[in-house]
Every structure is written in structure tokens, then in C-alpha cells.
C-alpha atoms as a PDB file:
ATOM      1  CA  ALA A   1      31.207   4.847  44.323  1.00  0.00           C
ATOM      2  CA  ALA A   2      29.168   6.820  41.793  1.00  0.00           C
ATOM      3  CA  ILE A   3      29.374   9.948  43.925  1.00  0.00           C
ATOM      4  CA  ALA A   4      33.138   9.543  44.300  1.00  0.00           C
ATOM      5  CA  ALA A   5      33.419   9.193  40.513  1.00  0.00           C
ATOM      6  CA  GLY A   6      31.529  12.450  39.981  1.00  0.00           C
ATOM      7  CA  MET A   7      28.486  10.728  38.524  1.00  0.00           C
ATOM      8  CA  LYS A   8      24.900  11.811  39.087  1.00  0.00           C
ATOM      9  CA  VAL A   9      23.001   9.664  41.562  1.00  0.00           C
ATOM     10  CA  VAL A  10      19.251   9.087  41.712  1.00  0.00           C
ATOM     11  CA  LEU A  11      18.123   7.659  45.041  1.00  0.00           C
ATOM     12  CA  VAL A  12      14.914   5.606  44.977  1.00  0.00           C
ATOM     13  CA  PRO A  13      14.691   4.322  48.543  1.00  0.00           C
ATOM     14  CA  SER A  14      12.815   1.137  49.366  1.00  0.00           C
ATOM     15  CA  LEU A  15      12.826   2.039  53.064  1.00  0.00           C
ATOM     16  CA  PRO A  16      11.969   5.294  54.862  1.00  0.00           C
ATOM     17  CA  LEU A  17      14.703   7.909  54.395  1.00  0.00           C
ATOM     18  CA  SER A  18      15.432   7.786  58.136  1.00  0.00           C
ATOM     19  CA  ASN A  19      16.981   4.335  57.560  1.00  0.00           C
ATOM     20  CA  TYR A  20      19.714   5.739  55.301  1.00  0.00           C
ATOM     21  CA  ASP A  21      22.979   7.455  56.106  1.00  0.00           C
ATOM     22  CA  PRO A  22      22.248  11.202  55.864  1.00  0.00           C
ATOM     23  CA  SER A  23      25.412  11.771  53.818  1.00  0.00           C
ATOM     24  CA  VAL A  24      24.075   9.453  51.114  1.00  0.00           C
ATOM     25  CA  ILE A  25      20.815  11.377  50.933  1.00  0.00           C
ATOM     26  CA  GLN A  26      22.651  14.709  50.953  1.00  0.00           C
ATOM     27  CA  HIS A  27      24.908  13.754  48.047  1.00  0.00           C
ATOM     28  CA  ALA A  28      22.203  12.232  45.855  1.00  0.00           C
ATOM     29  CA  THR A  29      21.480  14.367  42.805  1.00  0.00           C
ATOM     30  CA  LEU A  30      17.785  13.526  43.022  1.00  0.00           C
ATOM     31  CA  THR A  31      15.592  11.542  45.413  1.00  0.00           C
ATOM     32  CA  LEU A  32      12.406   9.981  44.063  1.00  0.00           C
ATOM     33  CA  GLY A  33       9.606   8.012  45.681  1.00  0.00           C
ATOM     34  CA  SER A  34       9.221   5.784  42.619  1.00  0.00           C
ATOM     35  CA  LEU A  35      11.132   4.971  39.448  1.00  0.00           C
ATOM     36  CA  LEU A  36       7.959   5.906  37.584  1.00  0.00           C
ATOM     37  CA  LYS A  37       8.754   9.521  38.520  1.00  0.00           C
ATOM     38  CA  PHE A  38      12.179   9.394  36.807  1.00  0.00           C
ATOM     39  CA  ASP A  39      12.476  11.707  33.804  1.00  0.00           C
ATOM     40  CA  PRO A  40      15.609  10.837  31.803  1.00  0.00           C
ATOM     41  CA  VAL A  41      15.438  14.187  29.989  1.00  0.00           C
ATOM     42  CA  GLU A  42      16.512  15.875  33.257  1.00  0.00           C
ATOM     43  CA  PHE A  43      19.847  14.090  32.842  1.00  0.00           C
ATOM     44  CA  GLY A  44      20.360  14.731  29.137  1.00  0.00           C
ATOM     45  CA  LEU A  45      19.036  11.319  28.119  1.00  0.00           C
ATOM     46  CA  PRO A  46      16.342  10.596  25.528  1.00  0.00           C
ATOM     47  CA  PRO A  47      12.792  10.383  26.857  1.00  0.00           C
ATOM     48  CA  PHE A  48      11.082   7.065  27.453  1.00  0.00           C
ATOM     49  CA  ASP A  49       8.802   6.207  24.570  1.00  0.00           C
ATOM     50  CA  ASP A  50       6.943   3.312  26.176  1.00  0.00           C
ATOM     51  CA  ILE A  51       5.211   5.003  29.107  1.00  0.00           C
END
């Protein structure tokens, strides 16, 4: 739904990528192995100040 709405999508899979529909992976703006790797500044958001 987010992709259809033109929103940016960050995929943080809990399973190996081979378990996901390739079109979902292809349309994700960013794929991360962990939420700890997420940098909100990349999306125009303020940085985290607690990590």
C-alpha cells in the first residue's frame, strides 16, 4: 500500500530475502538487515538522539 501511495519503503526482513516476493524487494526504497542500521537523515527526518 505504501508503494502504491508513492511513499518510501524500508524493508527490514525477518526471513531470508528468498522468502519474499521479488517485486516487493525491487520496489523497496531501502533494504536493511537491522533497524539499528536505519538512518532517518537519509529520508529527511531528524537524527536519533538516543543511540
